[in-house]
Amino acid sequence: MTDPTTAGVVETSIVAYLADPAPGWEVILDSPASANWRLKPDTGNRIRVACTRMPPLTPDPVQQRRDLERERALTMLVQDLAR
């Protein structure tokens, strides 16, 4: 995140979740209008990044691979920072 205010709010939310996990917790990482990228609870008191964008009518394997790679990289970053 490039905006320090937004990063601070997200960090505070992550710390609060890790201290007292709630199953319905999530943080939207992109535009609230699209809400394609979110932080969501994962097993073992962990957090994962999820891409919740509706799949296109015609699958795009290149975009799917990029999304999966981005999701994995962001999840690893969040999990590393949460330790």
N, C-alpha and C. Protein backbone atom coordinates (compact mmCIF):
# COMPACT_ATOMS: atom_id res chain seq x y z
N MET A 1 0.84 -1.17 0.00
CA MET A 1 0.00 0.00 0.00
C MET A 1 0.89 1.23 0.00
N THR A 2 0.50 2.18 -0.77
CA THR A 2 1.32 3.37 -0.87
C THR A 2 0.82 4.51 0.00
N ASP A 3 -0.44 4.50 0.38
CA ASP A 3 -0.99 5.55 1.22
C ASP A 3 -0.76 5.21 2.69
N PRO A 4 0.01 6.04 3.43
CA PRO A 4 0.32 5.71 4.81
C PRO A 4 -0.90 5.62 5.72
N THR A 5 -1.90 6.44 5.48
CA THR A 5 -3.12 6.39 6.31
C THR A 5 -3.83 5.06 6.12
N THR A 6 -3.99 4.65 4.87
CA THR A 6 -4.66 3.38 4.57
C THR A 6 -3.84 2.22 5.13
N ALA A 7 -2.53 2.27 4.95
CA ALA A 7 -1.67 1.20 5.47
C ALA A 7 -1.81 1.10 6.99
N GLY A 8 -1.91 2.22 7.66
CA GLY A 8 -2.06 2.21 9.11
C GLY A 8 -3.37 1.59 9.55
N VAL A 9 -4.44 1.90 8.84
CA VAL A 9 -5.76 1.32 9.15
C VAL A 9 -5.74 -0.19 8.92
N VAL A 10 -5.15 -0.62 7.82
CA VAL A 10 -5.07 -2.05 7.52
C VAL A 10 -4.22 -2.75 8.58
N GLU A 11 -3.09 -2.17 8.94
CA GLU A 11 -2.23 -2.77 9.96
C GLU A 11 -2.96 -2.89 11.30
N THR A 12 -3.67 -1.85 11.70
CA THR A 12 -4.43 -1.88 12.95
C THR A 12 -5.48 -2.98 12.91
N SER A 13 -6.15 -3.12 11.77
CA SER A 13 -7.17 -4.16 11.63
C SER A 13 -6.56 -5.56 11.70
N ILE A 14 -5.40 -5.75 11.09
CA ILE A 14 -4.72 -7.05 11.13
C ILE A 14 -4.32 -7.39 12.57
N VAL A 15 -3.73 -6.42 13.26
CA VAL A 15 -3.31 -6.65 14.65
C VAL A 15 -4.51 -7.01 15.51
N ALA A 16 -5.63 -6.29 15.33
CA ALA A 16 -6.84 -6.58 16.11
C ALA A 16 -7.37 -7.97 15.79
N TYR A 17 -7.35 -8.36 14.51
CA TYR A 17 -7.83 -9.69 14.13
C TYR A 17 -6.95 -10.78 14.75
N LEU A 18 -5.64 -10.60 14.69
CA LEU A 18 -4.74 -11.62 15.23
C LEU A 18 -4.89 -11.75 16.75
N ALA A 19 -5.22 -10.65 17.42
CA ALA A 19 -5.42 -10.69 18.87
C ALA A 19 -6.74 -11.35 19.25
N ASP A 20 -7.75 -11.18 18.40
CA ASP A 20 -9.09 -11.72 18.69
C ASP A 20 -9.77 -12.09 17.37
N PRO A 21 -9.43 -13.26 16.79
CA PRO A 21 -9.95 -13.64 15.48
C PRO A 21 -11.48 -13.71 15.43
N ALA A 22 -12.01 -13.21 14.34
CA ALA A 22 -13.45 -13.28 14.08
C ALA A 22 -13.65 -13.86 12.69
N PRO A 23 -14.50 -14.88 12.54
CA PRO A 23 -14.63 -15.55 11.25
C PRO A 23 -15.10 -14.65 10.10
N GLY A 24 -15.86 -13.62 10.37
CA GLY A 24 -16.37 -12.76 9.30
C GLY A 24 -15.48 -11.59 8.94
N TRP A 25 -14.28 -11.52 9.56
CA TRP A 25 -13.37 -10.40 9.33
C TRP A 25 -12.86 -10.40 7.91
N GLU A 26 -12.72 -9.22 7.32
CA GLU A 26 -12.05 -9.06 6.05
C GLU A 26 -11.66 -7.60 5.87
N VAL A 27 -10.68 -7.35 5.04
CA VAL A 27 -10.23 -6.01 4.71
C VAL A 27 -10.16 -5.91 3.19
N ILE A 28 -10.82 -4.92 2.63
CA ILE A 28 -10.77 -4.68 1.18
C ILE A 28 -9.48 -3.93 0.87
N LEU A 29 -8.71 -4.45 -0.06
CA LEU A 29 -7.41 -3.87 -0.39
C LEU A 29 -7.44 -2.92 -1.58
N ASP A 30 -8.46 -3.03 -2.41
CA ASP A 30 -8.53 -2.14 -3.57
C ASP A 30 -9.75 -1.24 -3.43
N SER A 31 -10.24 -0.74 -4.50
CA SER A 31 -11.38 0.17 -4.48
C SER A 31 -12.60 -0.48 -3.84
N PRO A 32 -13.27 0.20 -2.91
CA PRO A 32 -14.49 -0.37 -2.32
C PRO A 32 -15.57 -0.64 -3.36
N ALA A 33 -15.53 0.07 -4.48
CA ALA A 33 -16.53 -0.15 -5.52
C ALA A 33 -16.34 -1.50 -6.21
N SER A 34 -15.08 -1.90 -6.38
CA SER A 34 -14.83 -3.19 -7.04
C SER A 34 -14.58 -4.30 -6.03
N ALA A 35 -13.81 -4.01 -4.98
CA ALA A 35 -13.51 -4.97 -3.90
C ALA A 35 -13.05 -6.32 -4.44
N ASN A 36 -12.13 -6.29 -5.39
CA ASN A 36 -11.62 -7.53 -5.96
C ASN A 36 -10.60 -8.22 -5.07
N TRP A 37 -9.80 -7.45 -4.33
CA TRP A 37 -8.72 -8.00 -3.51
C TRP A 37 -9.02 -7.75 -2.05
N ARG A 38 -9.00 -8.82 -1.25
CA ARG A 38 -9.36 -8.73 0.16
C ARG A 38 -8.42 -9.58 1.01
N LEU A 39 -8.27 -9.16 2.26
CA LEU A 39 -7.64 -10.00 3.27
C LEU A 39 -8.76 -10.76 3.95
N LYS A 40 -8.58 -12.06 4.14
CA LYS A 40 -9.61 -12.90 4.75
C LYS A 40 -8.97 -13.85 5.75
N PRO A 41 -9.76 -14.32 6.72
CA PRO A 41 -9.22 -15.31 7.67
C PRO A 41 -8.83 -16.60 6.96
N ASP A 42 -7.80 -17.23 7.49
CA ASP A 42 -7.36 -18.53 6.99
C ASP A 42 -7.24 -19.45 8.20
N THR A 43 -6.97 -20.68 7.98
CA THR A 43 -6.86 -21.64 9.09
C THR A 43 -5.65 -21.32 9.96
N GLY A 44 -5.73 -21.70 11.22
CA GLY A 44 -4.60 -21.55 12.13
C GLY A 44 -4.29 -20.12 12.50
N ASN A 45 -5.32 -19.27 12.63
CA ASN A 45 -5.12 -17.87 13.03
C ASN A 45 -4.18 -17.16 12.05
N ARG A 46 -4.37 -17.42 10.78
CA ARG A 46 -3.56 -16.80 9.74
C ARG A 46 -4.47 -15.96 8.84
N ILE A 47 -3.85 -15.17 8.00
CA ILE A 47 -4.57 -14.29 7.07
C ILE A 47 -4.12 -14.64 5.67
N ARG A 48 -5.07 -14.59 4.73
CA ARG A 48 -4.70 -14.82 3.34
C ARG A 48 -5.26 -13.70 2.48
N VAL A 49 -4.71 -13.56 1.30
CA VAL A 49 -5.21 -12.59 0.33
C VAL A 49 -6.09 -13.35 -0.64
N ALA A 50 -7.25 -12.80 -0.95
CA ALA A 50 -8.18 -13.46 -1.87
C ALA A 50 -8.56 -12.50 -2.99
N CYS A 51 -8.56 -13.02 -4.20
CA CYS A 51 -9.08 -12.28 -5.34
C CYS A 51 -10.51 -12.76 -5.54
N THR A 52 -11.47 -11.87 -5.36
CA THR A 52 -12.88 -12.25 -5.45
C THR A 52 -13.55 -11.72 -6.71
N ARG A 53 -12.75 -11.35 -7.70
CA ARG A 53 -13.28 -10.85 -8.96
C ARG A 53 -14.08 -11.95 -9.66
N MET A 54 -15.20 -11.57 -10.23
CA MET A 54 -16.00 -12.53 -10.99
C MET A 54 -15.19 -12.99 -12.19
N PRO A 55 -15.16 -14.29 -12.46
CA PRO A 55 -14.40 -14.77 -13.62
C PRO A 55 -15.05 -14.30 -14.91
N PRO A 56 -14.23 -14.01 -15.91
CA PRO A 56 -14.79 -13.58 -17.20
C PRO A 56 -15.53 -14.73 -17.87
N LEU A 57 -16.43 -14.38 -18.78
CA LEU A 57 -17.17 -15.41 -19.52
C LEU A 57 -16.22 -16.27 -20.34
N THR A 58 -15.18 -15.65 -20.88
CA THR A 58 -14.16 -16.38 -21.61
C THR A 58 -12.90 -16.40 -20.75
N PRO A 59 -12.51 -17.56 -20.22
CA PRO A 59 -11.35 -17.63 -19.35
C PRO A 59 -10.09 -17.10 -20.04
N ASP A 60 -9.30 -16.36 -19.28
CA ASP A 60 -8.03 -15.83 -19.76
C ASP A 60 -6.92 -16.47 -18.91
N PRO A 61 -6.27 -17.50 -19.43
CA PRO A 61 -5.28 -18.21 -18.63
C PRO A 61 -4.12 -17.32 -18.16
N VAL A 62 -3.74 -16.34 -18.95
CA VAL A 62 -2.66 -15.44 -18.55
C VAL A 62 -3.09 -14.61 -17.35
N GLN A 63 -4.29 -14.04 -17.39
CA GLN A 63 -4.79 -13.24 -16.27
C GLN A 63 -5.00 -14.12 -15.04
N GLN A 64 -5.50 -15.32 -15.22
CA GLN A 64 -5.70 -16.23 -14.09
C GLN A 64 -4.37 -16.55 -13.42
N ARG A 65 -3.33 -16.79 -14.21
CA ARG A 65 -2.00 -17.08 -13.66
C ARG A 65 -1.45 -15.87 -12.91
N ARG A 66 -1.61 -14.67 -13.49
CA ARG A 66 -1.16 -13.45 -12.82
C ARG A 66 -1.88 -13.25 -11.49
N ASP A 67 -3.20 -13.45 -11.49
CA ASP A 67 -3.98 -13.29 -10.26
C ASP A 67 -3.52 -14.27 -9.19
N LEU A 68 -3.31 -15.52 -9.58
CA LEU A 68 -2.87 -16.53 -8.63
C LEU A 68 -1.49 -16.21 -8.08
N GLU A 69 -0.58 -15.78 -8.95
CA GLU A 69 0.77 -15.41 -8.50
C GLU A 69 0.70 -14.22 -7.55
N ARG A 70 -0.11 -13.21 -7.89
CA ARG A 70 -0.26 -12.02 -7.04
C ARG A 70 -0.87 -12.41 -5.69
N GLU A 71 -1.88 -13.27 -5.73
CA GLU A 71 -2.53 -13.71 -4.49
C GLU A 71 -1.53 -14.45 -3.60
N ARG A 72 -0.75 -15.34 -4.16
CA ARG A 72 0.24 -16.09 -3.37
C ARG A 72 1.31 -15.16 -2.80
N ALA A 73 1.81 -14.24 -3.61
CA ALA A 73 2.86 -13.33 -3.15
C ALA A 73 2.35 -12.43 -2.03
N LEU A 74 1.15 -11.88 -2.19
CA LEU A 74 0.59 -11.01 -1.16
C LEU A 74 0.30 -11.79 0.12
N THR A 75 -0.20 -13.01 -0.02
CA THR A 75 -0.48 -13.83 1.16
C THR A 75 0.81 -14.12 1.92
N MET A 76 1.87 -14.46 1.22
CA MET A 76 3.16 -14.72 1.88
C MET A 76 3.66 -13.48 2.60
N LEU A 77 3.52 -12.31 1.96
CA LEU A 77 3.96 -11.06 2.57
C LEU A 77 3.18 -10.77 3.85
N VAL A 78 1.86 -10.91 3.79
CA VAL A 78 1.02 -10.64 4.96
C VAL A 78 1.36 -11.62 6.08
N GLN A 79 1.53 -12.89 5.75
CA GLN A 79 1.84 -13.89 6.77
C GLN A 79 3.22 -13.65 7.38
N ASP A 80 4.18 -13.24 6.57
CA ASP A 80 5.52 -12.93 7.10
C ASP A 80 5.46 -11.73 8.05
N LEU A 81 4.70 -10.72 7.68
CA LEU A 81 4.60 -9.52 8.51
C LEU A 81 3.81 -9.76 9.79
N ALA A 82 2.92 -10.76 9.76
CA ALA A 82 2.07 -11.03 10.93
C ALA A 82 2.79 -11.85 11.99
N ARG A 83 3.95 -12.35 11.70
CA ARG A 83 4.69 -13.18 12.67
C ARG A 83 5.36 -12.35 13.72
